[in-house]
Amino acid sequence: MTEPFLSITDLRLTAKTDRGTASILRGINLSVERGRILGIVGESGSGKSSLVSTIMGLLAPGLNAEGSVMLDGVDLLTLSSANMQSVRGNKLAMIFQDPMTALNPVFRVGTQLVDVVQNRYPGTSQEDAVKRASAALAKVGLTDAERRMKDYPGQLSGGMRQRVMIAMALLCQPDI
């Protein structure tokens, strides 16, 4: 039997409050083998976003995670901020519920996508990065990708911005 690519064991997330410690996640256990798909469903407030934020190392100050989040043999909960930064985008990508929290409204969509390509793949020419970015927009179903590359995020509908974020995540080619 192969080792799971992602293995979460007894994950707990707590927050200090005026009234003591509040439990946000309690004893989460799951594993995902490489090449498999896991869907996480639950009602609003059930902890789905908290779980993914914990995996990504994007916890707000005052939150405390315990347990283990093993990704390819490395416990993400023990990594420094700098080491976790190198994991994001390379091994892990997250598509936020509100794309405007991740897209910069003062830069064109194309500029942001090209930056992702060039940061992920140093040495990529501007021309090749533009082609990859435009192709990624087409791949996620945005019509007239070349025009969308010139748009600012505020010129797009919420669904279109969500597709831009999916394209951005796919450009990084993360493992998860």
N, C-alpha and C. Protein backbone atom coordinates (compact mmCIF):
# COMPACT_ATOMS: atom_id res chain seq x y z
N MET A 1 0.84 -1.18 0.00
CA MET A 1 0.00 0.00 0.00
C MET A 1 0.89 1.26 0.00
N THR A 2 0.55 2.20 -0.85
CA THR A 2 1.37 3.40 -0.96
C THR A 2 0.98 4.42 0.11
N GLU A 3 1.94 5.25 0.45
CA GLU A 3 1.73 6.32 1.42
C GLU A 3 0.83 7.39 0.79
N PRO A 4 -0.19 7.89 1.49
CA PRO A 4 -1.02 8.96 0.92
C PRO A 4 -0.20 10.20 0.63
N PHE A 5 -0.54 10.90 -0.43
CA PHE A 5 0.15 12.13 -0.77
C PHE A 5 -0.16 13.21 0.26
N LEU A 6 -1.42 13.28 0.66
CA LEU A 6 -1.85 14.20 1.71
C LEU A 6 -2.50 13.38 2.81
N SER A 7 -2.03 13.55 4.02
CA SER A 7 -2.58 12.82 5.16
C SER A 7 -2.76 13.78 6.33
N ILE A 8 -3.98 13.91 6.77
CA ILE A 8 -4.28 14.79 7.91
C ILE A 8 -4.70 13.90 9.07
N THR A 9 -4.04 14.10 10.20
CA THR A 9 -4.29 13.28 11.37
C THR A 9 -4.62 14.15 12.58
N ASP A 10 -5.79 13.90 13.16
CA ASP A 10 -6.24 14.55 14.39
C ASP A 10 -6.02 16.07 14.35
N LEU A 11 -6.40 16.68 13.24
CA LEU A 11 -6.23 18.13 13.09
C LEU A 11 -7.26 18.86 13.93
N ARG A 12 -6.75 19.78 14.75
CA ARG A 12 -7.60 20.62 15.58
C ARG A 12 -7.21 22.07 15.36
N LEU A 13 -8.22 22.92 15.27
CA LEU A 13 -7.98 24.35 15.11
C LEU A 13 -8.77 25.05 16.19
N THR A 14 -8.07 25.87 16.97
CA THR A 14 -8.71 26.59 18.07
C THR A 14 -8.41 28.07 17.98
N ALA A 15 -9.24 28.84 18.68
CA ALA A 15 -9.05 30.29 18.75
C ALA A 15 -9.24 30.72 20.19
N LYS A 16 -8.38 31.63 20.63
CA LYS A 16 -8.55 32.23 21.96
C LYS A 16 -9.62 33.31 21.87
N THR A 17 -10.55 33.27 22.79
CA THR A 17 -11.61 34.28 22.83
C THR A 17 -11.69 34.86 24.24
N ASP A 18 -12.52 35.87 24.40
CA ASP A 18 -12.74 36.46 25.73
C ASP A 18 -13.31 35.43 26.71
N ARG A 19 -13.98 34.43 26.17
CA ARG A 19 -14.65 33.44 27.01
C ARG A 19 -13.91 32.11 27.05
N GLY A 20 -12.64 32.12 26.64
CA GLY A 20 -11.86 30.88 26.66
C GLY A 20 -11.46 30.46 25.26
N THR A 21 -11.21 29.18 25.12
CA THR A 21 -10.77 28.63 23.84
C THR A 21 -11.96 28.08 23.08
N ALA A 22 -12.09 28.49 21.81
CA ALA A 22 -13.17 27.99 20.95
C ALA A 22 -12.59 26.98 19.97
N SER A 23 -13.28 25.86 19.82
CA SER A 23 -12.86 24.83 18.85
C SER A 23 -13.49 25.15 17.50
N ILE A 24 -12.66 25.22 16.49
CA ILE A 24 -13.13 25.48 15.13
C ILE A 24 -13.15 24.18 14.34
N LEU A 25 -12.07 23.41 14.43
CA LEU A 25 -11.98 22.08 13.83
C LEU A 25 -11.62 21.11 14.94
N ARG A 26 -12.26 19.94 14.91
CA ARG A 26 -12.03 18.95 15.98
C ARG A 26 -11.72 17.59 15.38
N GLY A 27 -10.47 17.17 15.51
CA GLY A 27 -10.11 15.80 15.17
C GLY A 27 -10.35 15.41 13.72
N ILE A 28 -9.93 16.24 12.78
CA ILE A 28 -10.11 15.93 11.37
C ILE A 28 -9.06 14.90 10.95
N ASN A 29 -9.52 13.85 10.29
CA ASN A 29 -8.65 12.81 9.75
C ASN A 29 -9.07 12.53 8.31
N LEU A 30 -8.11 12.63 7.40
CA LEU A 30 -8.39 12.27 6.02
C LEU A 30 -7.10 12.01 5.30
N SER A 31 -7.18 11.32 4.18
CA SER A 31 -5.99 11.11 3.36
C SER A 31 -6.40 11.08 1.90
N VAL A 32 -5.46 11.50 1.06
CA VAL A 32 -5.68 11.53 -0.38
C VAL A 32 -4.45 10.93 -1.04
N GLU A 33 -4.66 9.93 -1.86
CA GLU A 33 -3.55 9.35 -2.61
C GLU A 33 -3.33 10.17 -3.86
N ARG A 34 -2.11 10.18 -4.34
CA ARG A 34 -1.76 10.93 -5.55
C ARG A 34 -2.67 10.47 -6.70
N GLY A 35 -3.20 11.41 -7.43
CA GLY A 35 -4.06 11.10 -8.58
C GLY A 35 -5.52 10.88 -8.23
N ARG A 36 -5.87 10.96 -6.96
CA ARG A 36 -7.25 10.76 -6.53
C ARG A 36 -7.91 12.10 -6.25
N ILE A 37 -9.23 12.08 -6.16
CA ILE A 37 -10.01 13.29 -5.90
C ILE A 37 -10.77 13.11 -4.59
N LEU A 38 -10.76 14.15 -3.79
CA LEU A 38 -11.52 14.15 -2.54
C LEU A 38 -12.39 15.39 -2.53
N GLY A 39 -13.67 15.21 -2.33
CA GLY A 39 -14.59 16.33 -2.20
C GLY A 39 -14.93 16.54 -0.74
N ILE A 40 -14.95 17.78 -0.31
CA ILE A 40 -15.32 18.11 1.06
C ILE A 40 -16.58 18.95 0.99
N VAL A 41 -17.64 18.46 1.58
CA VAL A 41 -18.91 19.16 1.54
C VAL A 41 -19.41 19.39 2.96
N GLY A 42 -20.22 20.38 3.12
CA GLY A 42 -20.80 20.67 4.42
C GLY A 42 -21.56 21.98 4.36
N GLU A 43 -22.38 22.17 5.33
CA GLU A 43 -23.17 23.40 5.34
C GLU A 43 -22.30 24.59 5.68
N SER A 44 -22.85 25.76 5.48
CA SER A 44 -22.14 27.00 5.77
C SER A 44 -21.72 27.01 7.24
N GLY A 45 -20.45 27.36 7.49
CA GLY A 45 -19.96 27.42 8.86
C GLY A 45 -19.47 26.09 9.41
N SER A 46 -19.42 25.06 8.56
CA SER A 46 -19.01 23.74 9.06
C SER A 46 -17.50 23.57 9.14
N GLY A 47 -16.72 24.50 8.56
CA GLY A 47 -15.28 24.44 8.70
C GLY A 47 -14.52 24.10 7.43
N LYS A 48 -15.19 24.04 6.28
CA LYS A 48 -14.50 23.70 5.03
C LYS A 48 -13.39 24.70 4.72
N SER A 49 -13.70 25.97 4.76
CA SER A 49 -12.70 27.00 4.46
C SER A 49 -11.62 27.03 5.53
N SER A 50 -11.99 26.81 6.78
CA SER A 50 -11.00 26.76 7.86
C SER A 50 -10.03 25.60 7.66
N LEU A 51 -10.54 24.47 7.21
CA LEU A 51 -9.70 23.31 6.95
C LEU A 51 -8.69 23.62 5.85
N VAL A 52 -9.17 24.17 4.74
CA VAL A 52 -8.27 24.45 3.62
C VAL A 52 -7.29 25.56 3.99
N SER A 53 -7.73 26.56 4.71
CA SER A 53 -6.81 27.63 5.15
C SER A 53 -5.72 27.08 6.05
N THR A 54 -6.07 26.11 6.88
CA THR A 54 -5.08 25.48 7.76
C THR A 54 -4.07 24.70 6.92
N ILE A 55 -4.55 23.94 5.96
CA ILE A 55 -3.65 23.18 5.08
C ILE A 55 -2.70 24.13 4.35
N MET A 56 -3.22 25.26 3.89
CA MET A 56 -2.43 26.23 3.13
C MET A 56 -1.52 27.08 4.02
N GLY A 57 -1.69 26.99 5.33
CA GLY A 57 -0.88 27.81 6.23
C GLY A 57 -1.29 29.26 6.20
N LEU A 58 -2.57 29.51 6.00
CA LEU A 58 -3.09 30.87 5.92
C LEU A 58 -4.00 31.18 7.09
N LEU A 59 -3.48 30.97 8.28
CA LEU A 59 -4.28 31.19 9.49
C LEU A 59 -4.13 32.61 10.00
N ALA A 60 -5.24 33.15 10.43
CA ALA A 60 -5.23 34.49 11.03
C ALA A 60 -4.52 34.43 12.38
N PRO A 61 -3.94 35.55 12.81
CA PRO A 61 -3.32 35.58 14.14
C PRO A 61 -4.34 35.18 15.20
N GLY A 62 -3.88 34.46 16.20
CA GLY A 62 -4.76 34.02 17.28
C GLY A 62 -5.34 32.63 17.08
N LEU A 63 -5.17 32.08 15.88
CA LEU A 63 -5.63 30.71 15.64
C LEU A 63 -4.46 29.76 15.87
N ASN A 64 -4.77 28.59 16.40
CA ASN A 64 -3.74 27.60 16.71
C ASN A 64 -4.14 26.25 16.12
N ALA A 65 -3.26 25.68 15.31
CA ALA A 65 -3.52 24.37 14.70
C ALA A 65 -2.64 23.32 15.39
N GLU A 66 -3.23 22.17 15.67
CA GLU A 66 -2.51 21.04 16.25
C GLU A 66 -2.88 19.80 15.48
N GLY A 67 -2.04 18.80 15.58
CA GLY A 67 -2.21 17.57 14.81
C GLY A 67 -1.14 17.53 13.75
N SER A 68 -1.43 16.87 12.63
CA SER A 68 -0.45 16.87 11.55
C SER A 68 -1.14 16.98 10.20
N VAL A 69 -0.47 17.69 9.31
CA VAL A 69 -0.90 17.82 7.91
C VAL A 69 0.33 17.43 7.09
N MET A 70 0.39 16.16 6.73
CA MET A 70 1.54 15.64 6.00
C MET A 70 1.27 15.73 4.50
N LEU A 71 2.16 16.43 3.80
CA LEU A 71 2.08 16.55 2.35
C LEU A 71 3.37 16.00 1.78
N ASP A 72 3.27 14.89 1.09
CA ASP A 72 4.43 14.26 0.49
C ASP A 72 5.54 14.04 1.51
N GLY A 73 5.13 13.62 2.73
CA GLY A 73 6.09 13.28 3.78
C GLY A 73 6.56 14.44 4.64
N VAL A 74 6.04 15.66 4.42
CA VAL A 74 6.45 16.83 5.19
C VAL A 74 5.25 17.35 5.97
N ASP A 75 5.43 17.59 7.28
CA ASP A 75 4.34 18.13 8.10
C ASP A 75 4.27 19.64 7.89
N LEU A 76 3.23 20.08 7.19
CA LEU A 76 3.08 21.49 6.86
C LEU A 76 2.94 22.37 8.10
N LEU A 77 2.42 21.82 9.17
CA LEU A 77 2.22 22.61 10.38
C LEU A 77 3.53 22.99 11.06
N THR A 78 4.61 22.32 10.68
CA THR A 78 5.90 22.62 11.30
C THR A 78 6.77 23.54 10.44
N LEU A 79 6.31 23.88 9.24
CA LEU A 79 7.12 24.70 8.34
C LEU A 79 7.11 26.17 8.73
N SER A 80 8.22 26.84 8.50
CA SER A 80 8.29 28.28 8.70
C SER A 80 7.45 28.96 7.61
N SER A 81 7.17 30.24 7.82
CA SER A 81 6.42 31.01 6.82
C SER A 81 7.12 30.98 5.47
N ALA A 82 8.44 31.15 5.47
CA ALA A 82 9.20 31.16 4.21
C ALA A 82 9.12 29.81 3.51
N ASN A 83 9.25 28.73 4.26
CA ASN A 83 9.16 27.40 3.65
C ASN A 83 7.74 27.11 3.16
N MET A 84 6.76 27.57 3.91
CA MET A 84 5.37 27.36 3.49
C MET A 84 5.08 28.15 2.21
N GLN A 85 5.69 29.32 2.09
CA GLN A 85 5.50 30.14 0.89
C GLN A 85 5.97 29.39 -0.36
N SER A 86 7.03 28.61 -0.22
CA SER A 86 7.53 27.86 -1.37
C SER A 86 6.63 26.66 -1.71
N VAL A 87 5.84 26.22 -0.75
CA VAL A 87 4.90 25.12 -1.00
C VAL A 87 3.67 25.63 -1.76
N ARG A 88 3.22 26.83 -1.38
CA ARG A 88 2.04 27.41 -2.03
C ARG A 88 2.34 27.71 -3.49
N GLY A 89 1.47 27.27 -4.36
CA GLY A 89 1.65 27.49 -5.79
C GLY A 89 2.42 26.36 -6.44
N ASN A 90 3.43 25.85 -5.74
CA ASN A 90 4.20 24.73 -6.30
C ASN A 90 3.53 23.40 -6.03
N LYS A 91 3.19 23.15 -4.78
CA LYS A 91 2.55 21.89 -4.42
C LYS A 91 1.06 22.07 -4.13
N LEU A 92 0.69 23.22 -3.61
CA LEU A 92 -0.70 23.50 -3.23
C LEU A 92 -1.20 24.77 -3.90
N ALA A 93 -2.45 24.76 -4.28
CA ALA A 93 -3.08 25.99 -4.76
C ALA A 93 -4.49 26.04 -4.20
N MET A 94 -4.95 27.24 -3.96
CA MET A 94 -6.28 27.45 -3.40
C MET A 94 -7.01 28.47 -4.25
N ILE A 95 -8.26 28.21 -4.52
CA ILE A 95 -9.09 29.15 -5.26
C ILE A 95 -10.07 29.72 -4.24
N PHE A 96 -9.88 30.99 -3.93
CA PHE A 96 -10.68 31.63 -2.89
C PHE A 96 -12.11 31.82 -3.33
N GLN A 97 -13.03 31.80 -2.36
CA GLN A 97 -14.45 31.99 -2.66
C GLN A 97 -14.71 33.35 -3.27
N ASP A 98 -14.02 34.37 -2.79
CA ASP A 98 -14.17 35.71 -3.33
C ASP A 98 -12.90 36.06 -4.09
N PRO A 99 -12.93 35.97 -5.42
CA PRO A 99 -11.73 36.21 -6.21
C PRO A 99 -11.13 37.59 -6.01
N MET A 100 -11.92 38.57 -5.61
CA MET A 100 -11.39 39.92 -5.44
C MET A 100 -10.46 40.02 -4.24
N THR A 101 -10.44 39.01 -3.37
CA THR A 101 -9.48 39.01 -2.27
C THR A 101 -8.10 38.58 -2.76
N ALA A 102 -8.04 37.95 -3.94
CA ALA A 102 -6.77 37.46 -4.47
C ALA A 102 -6.32 38.21 -5.73
N LEU A 103 -7.26 38.80 -6.45
CA LEU A 103 -6.89 39.57 -7.64
C LEU A 103 -6.68 41.02 -7.27
N ASN A 104 -5.65 41.62 -7.83
CA ASN A 104 -5.36 43.02 -7.58
C ASN A 104 -6.17 43.87 -8.56
N PRO A 105 -7.04 44.74 -8.06
CA PRO A 105 -7.92 45.49 -8.95
C PRO A 105 -7.21 46.52 -9.83
N VAL A 106 -5.96 46.88 -9.53
CA VAL A 106 -5.28 47.91 -10.32
C VAL A 106 -4.40 47.33 -11.43
N PHE A 107 -4.32 46.02 -11.52
CA PHE A 107 -3.56 45.38 -12.59
C PHE A 107 -4.49 44.58 -13.49
N ARG A 108 -4.19 44.61 -14.77
CA ARG A 108 -4.98 43.85 -15.73
C ARG A 108 -4.85 42.36 -15.44
N VAL A 109 -5.88 41.61 -15.81
CA VAL A 109 -5.90 40.17 -15.61
C VAL A 109 -4.67 39.53 -16.23
N GLY A 110 -4.34 39.93 -17.46
CA GLY A 110 -3.18 39.36 -18.15
C GLY A 110 -1.88 39.59 -17.41
N THR A 111 -1.71 40.79 -16.87
CA THR A 111 -0.50 41.10 -16.12
C THR A 111 -0.35 40.15 -14.94
N GLN A 112 -1.45 39.91 -14.23
CA GLN A 112 -1.40 39.04 -13.06
C GLN A 112 -1.11 37.60 -13.44
N LEU A 113 -1.72 37.13 -14.53
CA LEU A 113 -1.48 35.75 -14.97
C LEU A 113 -0.05 35.57 -15.48
N VAL A 114 0.44 36.54 -16.23
CA VAL A 114 1.81 36.48 -16.73
C VAL A 114 2.80 36.47 -15.57
N ASP A 115 2.54 37.27 -14.56
CA ASP A 115 3.41 37.28 -13.37
C ASP A 115 3.47 35.90 -12.73
N VAL A 116 2.32 35.23 -12.65
CA VAL A 116 2.29 33.88 -12.07
C VAL A 116 3.17 32.95 -12.89
N VAL A 117 3.02 32.98 -14.20
CA VAL A 117 3.83 32.10 -15.07
C VAL A 117 5.31 32.39 -14.88
N GLN A 118 5.68 33.65 -14.90
CA GLN A 118 7.10 33.99 -14.82
C GLN A 118 7.70 33.73 -13.44
N ASN A 119 6.89 33.83 -12.39
CA ASN A 119 7.37 33.48 -11.06
C ASN A 119 7.50 31.98 -10.88
N ARG A 120 6.56 31.25 -11.44
CA ARG A 120 6.57 29.78 -11.30
C ARG A 120 7.64 29.16 -12.19
N TYR A 121 7.85 29.75 -13.37
CA TYR A 121 8.80 29.23 -14.34
C TYR A 121 9.79 30.33 -14.74
N PRO A 122 10.76 30.62 -13.88
CA PRO A 122 11.74 31.68 -14.19
C PRO A 122 12.40 31.42 -15.54
N GLY A 123 12.65 32.50 -16.26
CA GLY A 123 13.27 32.38 -17.57
C GLY A 123 12.27 32.29 -18.71
N THR A 124 10.97 32.16 -18.38
CA THR A 124 9.95 32.13 -19.42
C THR A 124 9.88 33.51 -20.08
N SER A 125 9.88 33.52 -21.40
CA SER A 125 9.81 34.80 -22.11
C SER A 125 8.43 35.43 -21.91
N GLN A 126 8.37 36.73 -22.08
CA GLN A 126 7.10 37.46 -21.96
C GLN A 126 6.10 36.90 -22.97
N GLU A 127 6.55 36.66 -24.18
CA GLU A 127 5.66 36.15 -25.24
C GLU A 127 5.08 34.79 -24.87
N ASP A 128 5.94 33.89 -24.40
CA ASP A 128 5.46 32.57 -24.01
C ASP A 128 4.54 32.64 -22.80
N ALA A 129 4.86 33.51 -21.84
CA ALA A 129 4.01 33.66 -20.66
C ALA A 129 2.62 34.18 -21.05
N VAL A 130 2.57 35.11 -21.98
CA VAL A 130 1.28 35.65 -22.46
C VAL A 130 0.49 34.54 -23.15
N LYS A 131 1.15 33.73 -23.97
CA LYS A 131 0.47 32.63 -24.66
C LYS A 131 -0.09 31.63 -23.65
N ARG A 132 0.72 31.28 -22.65
CA ARG A 132 0.26 30.33 -21.63
C ARG A 132 -0.94 30.88 -20.85
N ALA A 133 -0.85 32.16 -20.48
CA ALA A 133 -1.93 32.79 -19.72
C ALA A 133 -3.21 32.83 -20.53
N SER A 134 -3.12 33.22 -21.77
CA SER A 134 -4.30 33.29 -22.64
C SER A 134 -4.90 31.90 -22.84
N ALA A 135 -4.04 30.91 -23.04
CA ALA A 135 -4.52 29.53 -23.21
C ALA A 135 -5.22 29.03 -21.95
N ALA A 136 -4.71 29.41 -20.78
CA ALA A 136 -5.32 28.99 -19.52
C ALA A 136 -6.73 29.60 -19.39
N LEU A 137 -6.88 30.86 -19.80
CA LEU A 137 -8.21 31.47 -19.75
C LEU A 137 -9.18 30.75 -20.69
N ALA A 138 -8.71 30.40 -21.87
CA ALA A 138 -9.56 29.66 -22.81
C ALA A 138 -9.91 28.28 -22.25
N LYS A 139 -8.95 27.65 -21.59
CA LYS A 139 -9.15 26.31 -21.04
C LYS A 139 -10.25 26.28 -19.98
N VAL A 140 -10.38 27.38 -19.21
CA VAL A 140 -11.41 27.41 -18.17
C VAL A 140 -12.74 27.97 -18.69
N GLY A 141 -12.82 28.15 -20.00
CA GLY A 141 -14.10 28.51 -20.61
C GLY A 141 -14.39 29.99 -20.75
N LEU A 142 -13.39 30.84 -20.59
CA LEU A 142 -13.61 32.27 -20.82
C LEU A 142 -13.54 32.55 -22.31
N THR A 143 -14.59 33.14 -22.84
CA THR A 143 -14.59 33.47 -24.25
C THR A 143 -13.72 34.70 -24.48
N ASP A 144 -13.17 34.79 -25.67
CA ASP A 144 -12.33 35.91 -26.08
C ASP A 144 -11.21 36.16 -25.05
N ALA A 145 -10.42 35.13 -24.85
CA ALA A 145 -9.36 35.18 -23.83
C ALA A 145 -8.40 36.34 -24.04
N GLU A 146 -8.09 36.66 -25.28
CA GLU A 146 -7.16 37.77 -25.53
C GLU A 146 -7.73 39.10 -25.03
N ARG A 147 -9.02 39.28 -25.20
CA ARG A 147 -9.66 40.50 -24.70
C ARG A 147 -9.67 40.50 -23.18
N ARG A 148 -9.96 39.36 -22.57
CA ARG A 148 -10.03 39.26 -21.11
C ARG A 148 -8.68 39.53 -20.48
N MET A 149 -7.60 39.22 -21.18
CA MET A 149 -6.26 39.49 -20.68
C MET A 149 -6.06 41.00 -20.46
N LYS A 150 -6.77 41.82 -21.24
CA LYS A 150 -6.62 43.27 -21.16
C LYS A 150 -7.58 43.91 -20.16
N ASP A 151 -8.53 43.13 -19.66
CA ASP A 151 -9.52 43.64 -18.71
C ASP A 151 -8.93 43.74 -17.31
N TYR A 152 -9.49 44.63 -16.53
CA TYR A 152 -9.21 44.70 -15.10
C TYR A 152 -10.21 43.79 -14.40
N PRO A 153 -9.87 43.24 -13.23
CA PRO A 153 -10.79 42.34 -12.54
C PRO A 153 -12.19 42.93 -12.34
N GLY A 154 -12.27 44.22 -12.06
CA GLY A 154 -13.57 44.86 -11.85
C GLY A 154 -14.45 44.91 -13.08
N GLN A 155 -13.88 44.67 -14.24
CA GLN A 155 -14.66 44.66 -15.48
C GLN A 155 -15.29 43.29 -15.74
N LEU A 156 -14.94 42.31 -14.93
CA LEU A 156 -15.44 40.96 -15.11
C LEU A 156 -16.55 40.65 -14.11
N SER A 157 -17.42 39.75 -14.49
CA SER A 157 -18.44 39.28 -13.55
C SER A 157 -17.77 38.41 -12.48
N GLY A 158 -18.49 38.13 -11.41
CA GLY A 158 -17.95 37.28 -10.35
C GLY A 158 -17.55 35.91 -10.86
N GLY A 159 -18.37 35.33 -11.73
CA GLY A 159 -18.06 34.02 -12.29
C GLY A 159 -16.83 34.04 -13.17
N MET A 160 -16.68 35.14 -13.91
CA MET A 160 -15.49 35.27 -14.76
C MET A 160 -14.24 35.42 -13.90
N ARG A 161 -14.34 36.20 -12.83
CA ARG A 161 -13.19 36.35 -11.93
C ARG A 161 -12.82 35.00 -11.30
N GLN A 162 -13.84 34.21 -10.98
CA GLN A 162 -13.59 32.88 -10.41
C GLN A 162 -12.82 32.03 -11.42
N ARG A 163 -13.19 32.12 -12.68
CA ARG A 163 -12.49 31.36 -13.72
C ARG A 163 -11.05 31.85 -13.89
N VAL A 164 -10.83 33.15 -13.73
CA VAL A 164 -9.46 33.68 -13.78
C VAL A 164 -8.64 33.05 -12.66
N MET A 165 -9.23 32.94 -11.48
CA MET A 165 -8.51 32.34 -10.35
C MET A 165 -8.22 30.86 -10.60
N ILE A 166 -9.15 30.17 -11.22
CA ILE A 166 -8.92 28.76 -11.56
C ILE A 166 -7.78 28.66 -12.57
N ALA A 167 -7.80 29.55 -13.58
CA ALA A 167 -6.71 29.57 -14.56
C ALA A 167 -5.37 29.84 -13.88
N MET A 168 -5.37 30.78 -12.94
CA MET A 168 -4.14 31.13 -12.23
C MET A 168 -3.61 29.91 -11.46
N ALA A 169 -4.50 29.21 -10.79
CA ALA A 169 -4.09 28.02 -10.05
C ALA A 169 -3.56 26.95 -10.99
N LEU A 170 -4.21 26.76 -12.12
CA LEU A 170 -3.78 25.74 -13.07
C LEU A 170 -2.44 26.07 -13.71
N LEU A 171 -2.17 27.36 -13.90
CA LEU A 171 -0.89 27.78 -14.47
C LEU A 171 0.28 27.35 -13.58
N CYS A 172 0.04 27.27 -12.28
CA CYS A 172 1.10 26.86 -11.34
C CYS A 172 1.35 25.36 -11.40
N GLN A 173 0.42 24.60 -11.93
CA GLN A 173 0.49 23.15 -11.99
C GLN A 173 0.82 22.54 -10.62
N PRO A 174 0.01 22.89 -9.61
CA PRO A 174 0.26 22.33 -8.27
C PRO A 174 -0.13 20.86 -8.21
N ASP A 175 0.37 20.19 -7.20
CA ASP A 175 0.00 18.80 -6.99
C ASP A 175 -1.43 18.70 -6.46
N ILE A 176 -1.81 19.68 -5.64
CA ILE A 176 -3.18 19.72 -5.09
C ILE A 176 -3.69 21.14 -5.26
